[in-house]
Amino acid sequence: MNGKGSNAEFLKEYQKRFEKKLCENEITVVKYWKERLDKLVAMKPDGIGSLQLEMKKLSQMMNTRIETLKKG
């Protein structure tokens, strides 16, 4: 009985640590993309065309990252 109880405690603690690490990673990722968007918002484009170009670059970066994550 003790073996099962300690296994359950171990699994509970491991899951807790895993979820905490997952949350920390998500915060890091969201902060990164927020910084990129903040740079985009702060820029003074010459016109709508240059703003669209920067938005497309950001979108392509995000797409590339998604594809990389899917492969790994």
N, C-alpha and C. Protein backbone atom coordinates (compact mmCIF):
# COMPACT_ATOMS: atom_id res chain seq x y z
N MET A 1 0.82 -1.19 0.00
CA MET A 1 0.00 0.00 0.00
C MET A 1 0.86 1.26 0.00
N ASN A 2 1.96 1.24 0.77
CA ASN A 2 2.84 2.39 0.82
C ASN A 2 3.48 2.69 -0.53
N GLY A 3 3.81 1.63 -1.27
CA GLY A 3 4.42 1.82 -2.59
C GLY A 3 3.50 2.57 -3.54
N LYS A 4 2.24 2.21 -3.52
CA LYS A 4 1.27 2.89 -4.39
C LYS A 4 1.06 4.33 -3.97
N GLY A 5 1.03 4.57 -2.66
CA GLY A 5 0.85 5.93 -2.16
C GLY A 5 2.01 6.83 -2.53
N SER A 6 3.22 6.33 -2.41
CA SER A 6 4.39 7.15 -2.74
C SER A 6 4.48 7.38 -4.25
N ASN A 7 4.07 6.37 -5.03
CA ASN A 7 4.04 6.57 -6.49
C ASN A 7 3.04 7.64 -6.87
N ALA A 8 1.89 7.62 -6.23
CA ALA A 8 0.86 8.62 -6.53
C ALA A 8 1.37 10.02 -6.15
N GLU A 9 2.03 10.12 -5.00
CA GLU A 9 2.60 11.41 -4.58
C GLU A 9 3.67 11.88 -5.56
N PHE A 10 4.53 10.95 -5.97
CA PHE A 10 5.59 11.28 -6.92
C PHE A 10 4.99 11.78 -8.23
N LEU A 11 3.99 11.06 -8.74
CA LEU A 11 3.36 11.47 -9.99
C LEU A 11 2.67 12.82 -9.87
N LYS A 12 2.03 13.06 -8.74
CA LYS A 12 1.36 14.33 -8.51
C LYS A 12 2.37 15.48 -8.50
N GLU A 13 3.49 15.27 -7.79
CA GLU A 13 4.54 16.29 -7.72
C GLU A 13 5.19 16.50 -9.08
N TYR A 14 5.43 15.42 -9.80
CA TYR A 14 6.03 15.51 -11.13
C TYR A 14 5.11 16.27 -12.08
N GLN A 15 3.82 15.98 -12.03
CA GLN A 15 2.85 16.67 -12.89
C GLN A 15 2.79 18.15 -12.54
N LYS A 16 2.83 18.46 -11.26
CA LYS A 16 2.81 19.85 -10.81
C LYS A 16 4.01 20.61 -11.36
N ARG A 17 5.20 20.00 -11.25
CA ARG A 17 6.42 20.64 -11.77
C ARG A 17 6.37 20.78 -13.29
N PHE A 18 5.84 19.76 -13.96
CA PHE A 18 5.72 19.80 -15.41
C PHE A 18 4.80 20.92 -15.85
N GLU A 19 3.66 21.05 -15.20
CA GLU A 19 2.70 22.10 -15.55
C GLU A 19 3.28 23.48 -15.27
N LYS A 20 4.05 23.61 -14.19
CA LYS A 20 4.68 24.89 -13.88
C LYS A 20 5.69 25.26 -14.98
N LYS A 21 6.50 24.29 -15.39
CA LYS A 21 7.50 24.53 -16.44
C LYS A 21 6.81 24.88 -17.77
N LEU A 22 5.73 24.19 -18.07
CA LEU A 22 4.97 24.46 -19.29
C LEU A 22 4.44 25.89 -19.28
N CYS A 23 3.92 26.31 -18.14
CA CYS A 23 3.40 27.67 -17.99
C CYS A 23 4.51 28.70 -18.15
N GLU A 24 5.67 28.44 -17.54
CA GLU A 24 6.81 29.35 -17.67
C GLU A 24 7.25 29.48 -19.12
N ASN A 25 7.28 28.36 -19.84
CA ASN A 25 7.65 28.39 -21.25
C ASN A 25 6.65 29.19 -22.07
N GLU A 26 5.38 29.02 -21.78
CA GLU A 26 4.35 29.76 -22.51
C GLU A 26 4.49 31.26 -22.25
N ILE A 27 4.76 31.64 -21.02
CA ILE A 27 4.96 33.06 -20.69
C ILE A 27 6.14 33.62 -21.47
N THR A 28 7.22 32.87 -21.56
CA THR A 28 8.41 33.30 -22.30
C THR A 28 8.08 33.53 -23.77
N VAL A 29 7.34 32.60 -24.35
CA VAL A 29 6.99 32.71 -25.77
C VAL A 29 6.08 33.91 -26.01
N VAL A 30 5.09 34.09 -25.18
CA VAL A 30 4.16 35.21 -25.35
C VAL A 30 4.89 36.54 -25.18
N LYS A 31 5.82 36.61 -24.22
CA LYS A 31 6.61 37.82 -24.03
C LYS A 31 7.42 38.15 -25.28
N TYR A 32 8.02 37.12 -25.88
CA TYR A 32 8.83 37.33 -27.09
C TYR A 32 7.98 37.94 -28.21
N TRP A 33 6.84 37.33 -28.48
CA TRP A 33 6.00 37.83 -29.57
C TRP A 33 5.39 39.18 -29.24
N LYS A 34 5.13 39.45 -27.97
CA LYS A 34 4.63 40.76 -27.57
C LYS A 34 5.69 41.82 -27.85
N GLU A 35 6.94 41.53 -27.53
CA GLU A 35 8.03 42.47 -27.82
C GLU A 35 8.12 42.76 -29.31
N ARG A 36 7.98 41.71 -30.11
CA ARG A 36 8.01 41.91 -31.57
C ARG A 36 6.86 42.80 -32.03
N LEU A 37 5.67 42.57 -31.50
CA LEU A 37 4.52 43.40 -31.86
C LEU A 37 4.69 44.83 -31.37
N ASP A 38 5.24 45.00 -30.17
CA ASP A 38 5.47 46.34 -29.64
C ASP A 38 6.42 47.13 -30.53
N LYS A 39 7.45 46.46 -31.06
CA LYS A 39 8.36 47.12 -32.00
C LYS A 39 7.62 47.55 -33.25
N LEU A 40 6.73 46.70 -33.71
CA LEU A 40 5.94 47.01 -34.90
C LEU A 40 5.03 48.22 -34.65
N VAL A 41 4.41 48.24 -33.50
CA VAL A 41 3.52 49.35 -33.13
C VAL A 41 4.30 50.65 -32.99
N ALA A 42 5.51 50.58 -32.45
CA ALA A 42 6.31 51.77 -32.19
C ALA A 42 6.94 52.37 -33.44
N MET A 43 7.07 51.59 -34.49
CA MET A 43 7.75 52.11 -35.67
C MET A 43 6.93 53.19 -36.37
N LYS A 44 7.62 54.05 -37.03
CA LYS A 44 6.99 55.14 -37.77
C LYS A 44 7.14 54.85 -39.27
N PRO A 45 6.22 54.08 -39.83
CA PRO A 45 6.36 53.70 -41.24
C PRO A 45 6.12 54.89 -42.16
N ASP A 46 6.75 54.81 -43.35
CA ASP A 46 6.57 55.86 -44.36
C ASP A 46 5.16 55.83 -44.93
N GLY A 47 4.58 54.66 -44.93
CA GLY A 47 3.23 54.51 -45.45
C GLY A 47 2.68 53.15 -45.06
N ILE A 48 1.51 52.88 -45.56
CA ILE A 48 0.85 51.61 -45.21
C ILE A 48 1.61 50.43 -45.79
N GLY A 49 2.25 50.62 -46.92
CA GLY A 49 2.99 49.54 -47.57
C GLY A 49 4.12 49.00 -46.70
N SER A 50 4.90 49.90 -46.11
CA SER A 50 6.01 49.46 -45.27
C SER A 50 5.51 48.80 -43.99
N LEU A 51 4.38 49.28 -43.46
CA LEU A 51 3.79 48.66 -42.28
C LEU A 51 3.30 47.25 -42.62
N GLN A 52 2.67 47.11 -43.78
CA GLN A 52 2.21 45.78 -44.21
C GLN A 52 3.39 44.83 -44.39
N LEU A 53 4.48 45.33 -44.93
CA LEU A 53 5.67 44.51 -45.14
C LEU A 53 6.20 44.00 -43.79
N GLU A 54 6.28 44.87 -42.81
CA GLU A 54 6.74 44.46 -41.48
C GLU A 54 5.79 43.46 -40.84
N MET A 55 4.49 43.64 -41.06
CA MET A 55 3.50 42.70 -40.53
C MET A 55 3.65 41.34 -41.20
N LYS A 56 3.91 41.34 -42.50
CA LYS A 56 4.12 40.08 -43.22
C LYS A 56 5.37 39.37 -42.71
N LYS A 57 6.44 40.13 -42.44
CA LYS A 57 7.66 39.54 -41.90
C LYS A 57 7.39 38.87 -40.55
N LEU A 58 6.64 39.55 -39.71
CA LEU A 58 6.30 38.99 -38.40
C LEU A 58 5.46 37.73 -38.54
N SER A 59 4.51 37.77 -39.45
CA SER A 59 3.66 36.61 -39.70
C SER A 59 4.48 35.43 -40.22
N GLN A 60 5.43 35.70 -41.11
CA GLN A 60 6.29 34.64 -41.63
C GLN A 60 7.17 34.05 -40.52
N MET A 61 7.66 34.90 -39.64
CA MET A 61 8.46 34.41 -38.51
C MET A 61 7.63 33.47 -37.64
N MET A 62 6.40 33.85 -37.38
CA MET A 62 5.52 33.03 -36.55
C MET A 62 5.21 31.71 -37.26
N ASN A 63 4.97 31.77 -38.54
CA ASN A 63 4.68 30.56 -39.30
C ASN A 63 5.89 29.62 -39.31
N THR A 64 7.07 30.17 -39.49
CA THR A 64 8.29 29.38 -39.47
C THR A 64 8.46 28.70 -38.12
N ARG A 65 8.19 29.43 -37.05
CA ARG A 65 8.31 28.86 -35.71
C ARG A 65 7.30 27.73 -35.50
N ILE A 66 6.09 27.92 -35.97
CA ILE A 66 5.06 26.89 -35.86
C ILE A 66 5.49 25.63 -36.59
N GLU A 67 5.99 25.78 -37.81
CA GLU A 67 6.44 24.63 -38.59
C GLU A 67 7.60 23.92 -37.90
N THR A 68 8.53 24.69 -37.32
CA THR A 68 9.65 24.10 -36.61
C THR A 68 9.16 23.28 -35.42
N LEU A 69 8.21 23.82 -34.68
CA LEU A 69 7.66 23.10 -33.52
C LEU A 69 6.92 21.83 -33.94
N LYS A 70 6.22 21.89 -35.06
CA LYS A 70 5.50 20.71 -35.54
C LYS A 70 6.46 19.58 -35.91
N LYS A 71 7.60 19.94 -36.49
CA LYS A 71 8.59 18.93 -36.89
C LYS A 71 9.25 18.27 -35.69
N GLY A 72 9.49 19.08 -34.64
CA GLY A 72 10.20 18.58 -33.46
C GLY A 72 9.25 17.96 -32.51
